[in-house]
Amino acid sequence: MFKKILIANRGEIALRVIRTCREMGIKTVAVYSTVDADSLHVKFADEAVCIGPAPSNQSYLKMANIIAAAEITNADAIHPGYGFLSENAKFSKICQEHGIKFIGASPEMIDKMGDKATAKATMKAAGVPCVPGSEGILDSYEDAVKVAAEIGYPVMMKATAGGGGKGMRAIWKEEELEKAWESARMEAAAAFGNDGMYMEKLIEEPRHIEIQVVGDSFGKACHLSERDCSVQRRHQKLTEETPSPFMTDELRHKMGEAAVKAAEYIQYEGAGTVEFLVDKHRNFYFMEMNTRIQVEHPITEQVIDYDLIREQILVAAGVPISGKNYLPQLHSIECRINAEDPYNDFRPSPGKITVLHAPGGHGVRLDTHVYAGYTIPSNYDSMIAKLITTAQTREEAISKMKRALDEFVIEGIKTTIPFHRQLMDEPDYVAGNYTTKFMESFKMKEPKN
């Protein structure tokens, strides 16, 4: 087992990893930028090393500084969390070269699943259902015209190196294709330094449902059931739940089987998710694989009583998994609390938290790194907390979430707490009747004075 793990991340996920390490008797090293000196992950770790100034490309993305921090503290493993370097094949390889275990996917695995076109071709070979579309990257605009005609409109153009909705365009008829082709490529080149595009059939009324998988170094994988991540704004998830209100036992069995098949085909090691689009007829199609821990992993932990971070560490240390598949025994919902103003188009709201009262009680979990007096920097993602409620039924989990949101007080900045509280009363959400298009028609009610 590892003696000391460096967490190459910040905020709530860094604190989450530190907690499990402490329970396992493993020493921890926090790394931080100058603006994160007062963050809780710095205070709770056994050691802390400043790795640079506020901009992430000079700190949390600076591989040389992180490796240096690991070497001077004698860390024998690095946990990357999510975001930043968690799916960076080069960083995974550098860790290997320095004799430091990267608690995540191998460089080869990240390369194979990180490029969406390659991932889709791999999944087709594994026998996993895929969305009809181009065979790999489109060679030219003429190629795009040909593929669109073959699979039929509407189609979706996607950047092969994409993420966060960058380089994506929905095209409903041929007349829109040329403009979409040019603008998507320009956006992808600016965001990722790669303008490679591929095309897929646009799935109407889609739900975004992912299957949590864990694979070990012996080629065995298991699934931990699904999470429904369909409530999104600009391709960014806002809330997640498990089990999905759209799921049937038969569909869960088929999707779980497909996800395990995918993981074992590529001999996946670690925790990851196989992400699917599910249409209104409950046909499911492979979308992508995330080779890291997910933001929304706590809801899976809650419904099957399973520490995913612990499992990541055990698998990385060479411990085999049981191979058992898990089904949800309870219902859990997660609301991502962001430092944003939901009444002003979700504009970021960094600044100092003057008052914080955290909700509590049975079935309430709060993962956060913030506290009263903490200043939220403007340099990073705006998520400051994850509020999770768990109960016997979906109705009870929603009721519990309402109560917890009513208790949750954060002053000094704007947050998305009012949005989530309104969402929990929205009839379509309460009925489980939502798709990835849900937020397009959602309107915030005026704030109460």
Protein backbone atom coordinates (compact mmCIF):
# COMPACT_ATOMS: atom_id res chain seq x y z
CA MET A 1 0.00 0.00 0.00
CA PHE A 2 1.11 3.56 -0.66
CA LYS A 3 2.75 5.44 2.19
CA LYS A 4 2.12 8.96 0.91
CA ILE A 5 -0.21 10.32 -1.78
CA LEU A 6 0.06 13.77 -3.35
CA ILE A 7 -3.28 15.19 -4.50
CA ALA A 8 -2.75 17.13 -7.74
CA ASN A 9 -5.94 19.13 -7.40
CA ARG A 10 -7.74 21.68 -5.25
CA GLY A 11 -11.03 22.36 -3.50
CA GLU A 12 -13.61 19.80 -2.47
CA ILE A 13 -12.17 16.84 -4.44
CA ALA A 14 -8.73 17.33 -2.87
CA LEU A 15 -10.34 17.37 0.56
CA ARG A 16 -12.42 14.30 -0.36
CA VAL A 17 -9.28 12.31 -1.26
CA ILE A 18 -7.47 13.47 1.90
CA ARG A 19 -10.30 12.16 4.09
CA THR A 20 -10.19 8.66 2.61
CA CYS A 21 -6.37 8.58 2.76
CA ARG A 22 -6.50 9.47 6.45
CA GLU A 23 -8.98 6.63 7.11
CA MET A 24 -6.59 4.25 5.30
CA GLY A 25 -3.57 5.44 7.28
CA ILE A 26 -1.93 7.04 4.24
CA LYS A 27 -0.09 10.38 4.57
CA THR A 28 -1.14 13.18 2.19
CA VAL A 29 0.48 16.09 0.40
CA ALA A 30 -1.64 19.03 -0.78
CA VAL A 31 -0.47 21.29 -3.58
CA TYR A 32 -1.84 24.79 -3.91
CA SER A 33 -1.58 28.04 -5.83
CA THR A 34 -0.95 31.30 -4.03
CA VAL A 35 -4.68 32.20 -3.96
CA ASP A 36 -5.56 28.80 -2.46
CA ALA A 37 -3.30 29.10 0.59
CA ASP A 38 -6.34 29.31 2.90
CA SER A 39 -8.33 26.46 1.32
CA LEU A 40 -9.34 23.59 3.62
CA HIS A 41 -7.46 20.96 1.60
CA VAL A 42 -4.23 22.80 2.47
CA LYS A 43 -5.11 22.86 6.16
CA PHE A 44 -6.19 19.20 6.38
CA ALA A 45 -3.27 17.57 4.51
CA ASP A 46 -0.20 16.31 6.36
CA GLU A 47 2.06 18.44 4.15
CA ALA A 48 1.42 21.24 1.66
CA VAL A 49 3.52 22.65 -1.17
CA CYS A 50 2.88 25.88 -3.08
CA ILE A 51 3.25 25.14 -6.80
CA GLY A 52 2.80 28.58 -8.35
CA PRO A 53 0.62 31.66 -8.83
CA ALA A 54 -3.15 31.71 -9.37
CA PRO A 55 -3.42 30.94 -13.11
CA SER A 56 -3.89 27.17 -13.47
CA ASN A 57 -1.38 26.93 -16.33
CA GLN A 58 1.24 28.19 -13.86
CA SER A 59 0.17 25.95 -10.97
CA TYR A 60 -2.34 23.05 -11.17
CA LEU A 61 -1.46 22.36 -14.82
CA LYS A 62 2.29 22.85 -14.34
CA MET A 63 3.49 19.23 -14.50
CA ALA A 64 7.11 19.96 -13.58
CA ASN A 65 6.07 21.75 -10.38
CA ILE A 66 3.76 18.93 -9.32
CA ILE A 67 6.36 16.23 -9.96
CA ALA A 68 8.92 18.31 -8.05
CA ALA A 69 6.49 18.59 -5.11
CA ALA A 70 6.00 14.81 -5.16
CA GLU A 71 9.76 14.19 -5.19
CA ILE A 72 10.67 16.60 -2.39
CA THR A 73 7.93 15.14 -0.16
CA ASN A 74 8.72 11.51 -1.13
CA ALA A 75 5.16 10.84 -2.29
CA ASP A 76 4.90 7.43 -3.94
CA ALA A 77 1.57 8.10 -5.70
CA ILE A 78 -0.41 11.00 -7.19
CA HIS A 79 -4.20 11.25 -7.18
CA PRO A 80 -5.30 13.74 -9.87
CA GLY A 81 -8.96 14.14 -8.82
CA TYR A 82 -11.07 15.37 -11.75
CA GLY A 83 -10.33 18.15 -14.25
CA PHE A 84 -6.83 19.64 -14.53
CA LEU A 85 -4.40 16.75 -15.29
CA SER A 86 -6.72 13.84 -14.47
CA GLU A 87 -7.07 12.76 -18.12
CA ASN A 88 -3.71 13.96 -19.40
CA ALA A 89 -1.78 11.09 -20.99
CA LYS A 90 1.50 13.01 -20.89
CA PHE A 91 1.21 13.55 -17.12
CA SER A 92 0.33 9.90 -16.53
CA LYS A 93 3.44 8.92 -18.54
CA ILE A 94 5.69 11.38 -16.66
CA CYS A 95 4.51 9.87 -13.35
CA GLN A 96 5.44 6.40 -14.68
CA GLU A 97 8.89 7.64 -15.74
CA HIS A 98 9.52 9.08 -12.27
CA GLY A 99 8.45 5.91 -10.45
CA ILE A 100 5.32 7.57 -9.03
CA LYS A 101 2.02 5.68 -9.31
CA PHE A 102 -0.64 7.69 -11.12
CA ILE A 103 -3.97 6.81 -9.49
CA GLY A 104 -5.87 6.82 -12.73
CA ALA A 105 -5.71 5.45 -16.25
CA SER A 106 -2.50 4.56 -18.07
CA PRO A 107 -1.24 6.93 -20.79
CA GLU A 108 -2.28 4.41 -23.45
CA MET A 109 -5.80 4.16 -22.00
CA ILE A 110 -6.21 7.94 -21.80
CA ASP A 111 -5.06 8.29 -25.41
CA LYS A 112 -7.41 5.54 -26.54
CA MET A 113 -10.50 6.90 -24.77
CA GLY A 114 -9.66 10.63 -24.68
CA ASP A 115 -9.93 11.06 -28.44
CA LYS A 116 -13.66 10.68 -29.08
CA ALA A 117 -13.34 9.33 -32.62
CA THR A 118 -10.85 6.65 -31.52
CA ALA A 119 -13.00 5.81 -28.50
CA LYS A 120 -16.06 5.30 -30.68
CA ALA A 121 -14.16 3.00 -33.06
CA THR A 122 -12.87 1.01 -30.06
CA MET A 123 -16.37 0.66 -28.60
CA LYS A 124 -17.76 -0.50 -31.95
CA ALA A 125 -15.10 -3.21 -32.01
CA ALA A 126 -16.11 -4.19 -28.45
CA GLY A 127 -19.73 -4.60 -29.55
CA VAL A 128 -21.05 -1.60 -27.60
CA PRO A 129 -23.95 0.29 -29.31
CA CYS A 130 -22.73 3.54 -30.88
CA VAL A 131 -24.53 6.50 -32.44
CA PRO A 132 -24.53 6.25 -36.27
CA GLY A 133 -22.00 8.66 -37.71
CA SER A 134 -18.66 9.20 -39.41
CA GLU A 135 -15.95 6.57 -39.28
CA GLY A 136 -13.40 8.62 -37.40
CA ILE A 137 -12.45 12.22 -38.18
CA LEU A 138 -14.03 13.97 -41.17
CA ASP A 139 -11.43 14.65 -43.88
CA SER A 140 -13.17 17.66 -45.43
CA TYR A 141 -16.38 19.64 -45.73
CA GLU A 142 -17.34 17.45 -48.71
CA ASP A 143 -16.90 14.41 -46.46
CA ALA A 144 -19.23 16.04 -43.90
CA VAL A 145 -21.88 16.62 -46.60
CA LYS A 146 -21.67 12.97 -47.66
CA VAL A 147 -21.89 11.53 -44.11
CA ALA A 148 -24.82 13.80 -43.21
CA ALA A 149 -26.72 12.64 -46.29
CA GLU A 150 -26.04 8.99 -45.39
CA ILE A 151 -27.18 9.10 -41.75
CA GLY A 152 -29.91 11.71 -42.31
CA TYR A 153 -30.63 15.04 -40.64
CA PRO A 154 -30.59 16.23 -37.92
CA VAL A 155 -26.89 15.63 -37.20
CA MET A 156 -24.43 16.77 -34.54
CA MET A 157 -20.92 17.98 -35.37
CA LYS A 158 -18.42 17.42 -32.55
CA ALA A 159 -14.78 18.27 -31.91
CA THR A 160 -12.74 15.11 -31.48
CA ALA A 161 -10.73 16.75 -28.67
CA GLY A 162 -13.84 18.38 -27.24
CA GLY A 163 -15.32 18.95 -23.81
CA GLY A 164 -17.69 21.40 -22.13
CA GLY A 165 -19.71 21.84 -25.31
CA LYS A 166 -16.88 23.49 -27.27
CA GLY A 167 -16.83 22.70 -30.98
CA MET A 168 -20.36 21.20 -30.98
CA ARG A 169 -23.06 22.18 -33.47
CA ALA A 170 -26.56 20.80 -34.07
CA ILE A 171 -27.47 20.91 -37.77
CA TRP A 172 -31.09 20.40 -38.83
CA LYS A 173 -30.79 20.78 -42.61
CA GLU A 174 -28.10 20.82 -45.30
CA GLU A 175 -28.21 24.60 -45.74
CA GLU A 176 -26.84 25.04 -42.19
CA LEU A 177 -23.93 22.63 -42.61
CA GLU A 178 -21.21 24.83 -44.15
CA LYS A 179 -21.53 27.62 -41.58
CA ALA A 180 -21.57 25.07 -38.71
CA TRP A 181 -18.52 23.28 -40.14
CA GLU A 182 -16.46 26.49 -40.24
CA SER A 183 -17.51 27.88 -36.84
CA ALA A 184 -17.16 24.55 -34.99
CA ARG A 185 -13.63 24.02 -36.37
CA MET A 186 -12.55 27.55 -35.42
CA GLU A 187 -13.94 27.15 -31.90
CA ALA A 188 -12.30 23.72 -31.46
CA ALA A 189 -8.93 25.00 -32.70
CA ALA A 190 -9.05 27.92 -30.25
CA ALA A 191 -10.14 25.78 -27.29
CA PHE A 192 -8.09 22.61 -27.83
CA GLY A 193 -5.45 23.36 -30.48
CA ASN A 194 -7.12 20.66 -32.59
CA ASP A 195 -9.82 21.34 -35.21
CA GLY A 196 -10.56 17.67 -35.98
CA MET A 197 -14.32 17.08 -36.31
CA TYR A 198 -16.56 14.03 -36.42
CA MET A 199 -20.29 13.71 -37.02
CA GLU A 200 -23.09 11.76 -35.36
CA LYS A 201 -26.82 11.38 -35.77
CA LEU A 202 -28.55 13.86 -33.46
CA ILE A 203 -30.47 11.93 -30.81
CA GLU A 204 -33.82 13.63 -30.16
CA GLU A 205 -35.16 13.96 -26.62
CA PRO A 206 -31.91 12.49 -25.25
CA ARG A 207 -31.07 11.63 -21.68
CA HIS A 208 -27.45 11.59 -20.52
CA ILE A 209 -27.04 8.43 -18.45
CA GLU A 210 -23.65 7.19 -17.34
CA ILE A 211 -22.59 3.86 -15.85
CA GLN A 212 -19.94 3.85 -13.12
CA VAL A 213 -17.32 1.15 -13.67
CA VAL A 214 -14.26 -0.05 -11.79
CA GLY A 215 -11.57 -2.22 -13.39
CA ASP A 216 -8.49 -3.82 -11.86
CA SER A 217 -5.03 -4.69 -13.16
CA PHE A 218 -6.12 -8.30 -13.75
CA GLY A 219 -8.55 -7.46 -16.56
CA LYS A 220 -11.71 -7.75 -14.47
CA ALA A 221 -14.36 -5.01 -14.31
CA CYS A 222 -17.68 -4.41 -12.58
CA HIS A 223 -20.37 -1.73 -12.72
CA LEU A 224 -21.94 0.25 -9.90
CA SER A 225 -25.16 1.10 -11.76
CA GLU A 226 -26.21 4.37 -13.37
CA ARG A 227 -26.41 8.11 -12.79
CA ASP A 228 -28.78 10.38 -14.68
CA CYS A 229 -26.98 13.63 -15.57
CA SER A 230 -29.54 15.06 -17.99
CA VAL A 231 -30.19 18.39 -16.24
CA GLN A 232 -27.48 20.47 -17.91
CA ARG A 233 -26.84 24.03 -18.95
CA ARG A 234 -24.50 24.59 -21.88
CA HIS A 235 -23.35 20.97 -21.56
CA GLN A 236 -22.41 21.50 -17.89
CA LYS A 237 -24.20 19.26 -15.40
CA LEU A 238 -26.27 21.01 -12.72
CA THR A 239 -27.78 18.10 -10.80
CA GLU A 240 -27.53 14.32 -10.93
CA GLU A 241 -29.44 11.40 -9.46
CA THR A 242 -29.40 7.66 -9.08
CA PRO A 243 -31.29 5.59 -9.93
CA SER A 244 -32.52 7.33 -13.05
CA PRO A 245 -36.30 7.90 -13.04
CA PHE A 246 -36.23 6.83 -16.73
CA MET A 247 -34.52 3.50 -16.06
CA THR A 248 -36.11 0.06 -16.20
CA ASP A 249 -34.60 -3.15 -14.79
CA GLU A 250 -34.11 -4.46 -18.31
CA LEU A 251 -32.39 -1.27 -19.53
CA ARG A 252 -30.15 -1.16 -16.43
CA HIS A 253 -29.08 -4.74 -17.07
CA LYS A 254 -28.30 -4.05 -20.74
CA MET A 255 -26.42 -0.80 -20.10
CA GLY A 256 -24.48 -2.28 -17.18
CA GLU A 257 -23.51 -5.26 -19.31
CA ALA A 258 -22.38 -2.97 -22.16
CA ALA A 259 -20.30 -0.81 -19.79
CA VAL A 260 -18.53 -3.83 -18.27
CA LYS A 261 -17.92 -5.23 -21.76
CA ALA A 262 -16.37 -1.88 -22.75
CA ALA A 263 -14.12 -1.73 -19.67
CA GLU A 264 -12.93 -5.32 -20.00
CA TYR A 265 -12.34 -5.02 -23.75
CA ILE A 266 -9.82 -2.23 -23.19
CA GLN A 267 -8.59 -3.80 -19.89
CA TYR A 268 -9.45 -0.64 -18.03
CA GLU A 269 -7.80 -0.08 -14.66
CA GLY A 270 -9.33 2.31 -12.09
CA ALA A 271 -12.65 4.08 -11.63
CA GLY A 272 -14.29 5.50 -14.73
CA THR A 273 -17.63 6.10 -16.38
CA VAL A 274 -19.04 4.88 -19.64
CA GLU A 275 -21.39 7.63 -20.82
CA PHE A 276 -24.44 6.98 -22.95
CA LEU A 277 -27.15 8.94 -24.73
CA VAL A 278 -30.54 7.28 -24.29
CA ASP A 279 -33.36 8.21 -26.66
CA LYS A 280 -37.08 8.40 -25.87
CA HIS A 281 -37.50 4.76 -26.97
CA ARG A 282 -34.82 3.68 -24.46
CA ASN A 283 -32.27 2.86 -27.15
CA PHE A 284 -28.82 3.66 -25.78
CA TYR A 285 -25.65 4.71 -27.56
CA PHE A 286 -22.05 5.09 -26.39
CA MET A 287 -21.02 8.74 -26.12
CA GLU A 288 -17.63 8.77 -24.38
CA MET A 289 -15.64 7.31 -21.52
CA ASN A 290 -14.28 9.41 -18.67
CA THR A 291 -11.08 7.87 -17.33
CA ARG A 292 -11.23 9.49 -13.89
CA ILE A 293 -13.40 9.98 -10.83
CA GLN A 294 -16.52 12.03 -11.58
CA VAL A 295 -17.81 15.12 -9.78
CA GLU A 296 -21.06 13.24 -9.12
CA HIS A 297 -19.50 10.08 -7.64
CA PRO A 298 -20.98 10.69 -4.12
CA ILE A 299 -24.53 9.71 -5.15
CA THR A 300 -23.27 6.28 -6.23
CA GLU A 301 -21.42 5.94 -2.93
CA GLN A 302 -24.60 6.81 -1.03
CA VAL A 303 -26.92 4.28 -2.68
CA ILE A 304 -24.58 1.28 -2.44
CA ASP A 305 -22.44 2.24 0.60
CA TYR A 306 -19.16 2.15 -1.31
CA ASP A 307 -16.10 4.44 -1.08
CA LEU A 308 -15.01 4.99 -4.69
CA ILE A 309 -11.84 6.89 -3.73
CA ARG A 310 -10.78 3.98 -1.51
CA GLU A 311 -11.44 1.59 -4.38
CA GLN A 312 -9.34 3.75 -6.73
CA ILE A 313 -6.43 3.60 -4.31
CA LEU A 314 -6.76 -0.16 -3.74
CA VAL A 315 -6.90 -0.91 -7.48
CA ALA A 316 -3.88 1.33 -8.11
CA ALA A 317 -2.01 -0.63 -5.41
CA GLY A 318 -2.72 -3.88 -7.27
CA VAL A 319 -5.63 -5.19 -5.21
CA PRO A 320 -8.16 -7.18 -7.31
CA ILE A 321 -11.83 -6.17 -7.34
CA SER A 322 -14.60 -8.55 -6.30
CA GLY A 323 -16.15 -8.45 -9.77
CA LYS A 324 -19.61 -8.02 -8.26
CA ASN A 325 -22.03 -5.63 -9.97
CA TYR A 326 -24.02 -3.30 -7.69
CA LEU A 327 -27.62 -2.10 -7.88
CA PRO A 328 -28.92 1.00 -6.07
CA GLN A 329 -30.65 0.24 -2.77
CA LEU A 330 -31.70 3.84 -2.07
CA HIS A 331 -32.28 7.06 -4.04
CA SER A 332 -29.74 9.90 -4.07
CA ILE A 333 -29.70 13.38 -5.63
CA GLU A 334 -26.77 15.78 -5.95
CA CYS A 335 -27.07 19.54 -6.47
CA ARG A 336 -23.91 21.32 -7.59
CA ILE A 337 -23.71 24.61 -5.70
CA ASN A 338 -21.86 27.16 -7.81
CA ALA A 339 -20.72 30.70 -7.02
CA GLU A 340 -22.98 32.06 -9.76
CA ASP A 341 -26.00 34.35 -9.95
CA PRO A 342 -28.94 32.31 -11.32
CA TYR A 343 -31.00 35.50 -11.68
CA ASN A 344 -28.36 37.03 -13.96
CA ASP A 345 -27.71 34.29 -16.54
CA PHE A 346 -25.58 32.34 -14.04
CA ARG A 347 -22.85 34.98 -14.07
CA PRO A 348 -19.83 33.97 -11.90
CA SER A 349 -19.83 35.51 -8.41
CA PRO A 350 -16.41 35.15 -6.79
CA GLY A 351 -15.64 36.94 -3.53
CA LYS A 352 -15.60 36.55 0.24
CA ILE A 353 -18.14 34.36 2.03
CA THR A 354 -19.28 36.36 5.06
CA VAL A 355 -21.79 33.86 6.48
CA LEU A 356 -22.13 30.11 5.96
CA HIS A 357 -24.59 27.77 7.61
CA ALA A 358 -24.37 24.17 6.38
CA PRO A 359 -27.43 21.92 6.31
CA GLY A 360 -27.40 18.66 8.25
CA GLY A 361 -29.58 15.85 9.48
CA HIS A 362 -30.25 12.29 8.40
CA GLY A 363 -29.51 11.57 4.74
CA VAL A 364 -27.74 14.88 4.06
CA ARG A 365 -24.13 15.01 2.85
CA LEU A 366 -22.19 18.16 2.00
CA ASP A 367 -18.87 17.99 0.16
CA THR A 368 -17.19 21.40 0.22
CA HIS A 369 -13.92 23.21 0.90
CA VAL A 370 -15.41 26.60 1.76
CA TYR A 371 -16.22 28.26 5.10
CA ALA A 372 -17.21 31.65 6.51
CA GLY A 373 -14.34 34.06 5.85
CA TYR A 374 -13.09 32.12 2.80
CA THR A 375 -12.54 34.08 -0.41
CA ILE A 376 -13.52 32.29 -3.61
CA PRO A 377 -10.94 33.09 -6.30
CA SER A 378 -12.04 34.02 -9.82
CA ASN A 379 -9.40 31.81 -11.45
CA TYR A 380 -11.11 28.40 -11.30
CA ASP A 381 -14.37 26.54 -11.81
CA SER A 382 -17.24 28.15 -9.91
CA MET A 383 -18.42 25.01 -8.10
CA ILE A 384 -18.01 25.49 -4.35
CA ALA A 385 -20.06 22.64 -2.88
CA LYS A 386 -22.04 19.49 -3.64
CA LEU A 387 -25.20 18.93 -1.64
CA ILE A 388 -26.35 15.30 -1.62
CA THR A 389 -29.52 13.87 -0.13
CA THR A 390 -30.31 10.17 0.16
CA ALA A 391 -33.57 8.45 1.07
CA GLN A 392 -35.65 5.32 0.52
CA THR A 393 -37.54 6.83 -2.44
CA ARG A 394 -37.09 9.60 -5.02
CA GLU A 395 -39.97 11.57 -3.49
CA GLU A 396 -38.31 11.46 -0.06
CA ALA A 397 -34.92 12.44 -1.54
CA ILE A 398 -36.52 15.49 -3.21
CA SER A 399 -38.30 16.48 0.03
CA LYS A 400 -35.03 16.12 1.92
CA MET A 401 -33.23 18.23 -0.70
CA LYS A 402 -35.83 21.00 -0.37
CA ARG A 403 -35.36 21.05 3.39
CA ALA A 404 -31.54 20.99 3.08
CA LEU A 405 -31.52 23.82 0.52
CA ASP A 406 -33.77 25.90 2.79
CA GLU A 407 -31.22 25.41 5.59
CA PHE A 408 -28.19 26.17 3.41
CA VAL A 409 -27.18 29.81 3.96
CA ILE A 410 -24.27 31.42 2.10
CA GLU A 411 -23.89 35.20 2.23
CA GLY A 412 -21.37 37.58 0.65
CA ILE A 413 -21.64 36.01 -2.81
CA LYS A 414 -24.40 34.83 -5.13
CA THR A 415 -24.96 31.05 -5.41
CA THR A 416 -27.14 28.63 -7.33
CA ILE A 417 -29.00 27.55 -4.18
CA PRO A 418 -32.17 29.47 -5.31
CA PHE A 419 -32.05 27.73 -8.70
CA HIS A 420 -31.92 24.27 -7.14
CA ARG A 421 -34.68 25.12 -4.68
CA GLN A 422 -36.90 26.18 -7.58
CA LEU A 423 -35.91 23.08 -9.58
CA MET A 424 -37.10 20.82 -6.76
CA ASP A 425 -40.63 22.27 -7.20
CA GLU A 426 -40.63 22.18 -11.01
CA PRO A 427 -43.44 19.77 -12.06
CA ASP A 428 -41.51 18.13 -14.91
CA TYR A 429 -38.46 17.57 -12.70
CA VAL A 430 -40.59 16.18 -9.86
CA ALA A 431 -42.23 13.81 -12.37
CA GLY A 432 -38.80 12.70 -13.64
CA ASN A 433 -39.78 14.04 -17.05
CA TYR A 434 -36.61 15.77 -18.25
CA THR A 435 -33.99 15.47 -21.00
CA THR A 436 -30.74 17.28 -21.79
CA LYS A 437 -32.93 20.03 -23.33
CA PHE A 438 -34.72 20.68 -20.01
CA MET A 439 -32.89 23.94 -19.22
CA GLU A 440 -33.77 25.48 -22.60
CA SER A 441 -37.32 26.12 -21.36
CA PHE A 442 -36.56 26.63 -17.66
CA LYS A 443 -37.09 30.18 -16.39
CA MET A 444 -36.05 31.47 -12.97
CA LYS A 445 -38.85 33.08 -11.00
CA GLU A 446 -38.12 36.53 -9.61
CA PRO A 447 -36.34 36.48 -6.21
CA LYS A 448 -38.41 37.06 -3.09
CA ASN A 449 -37.64 40.29 -1.24
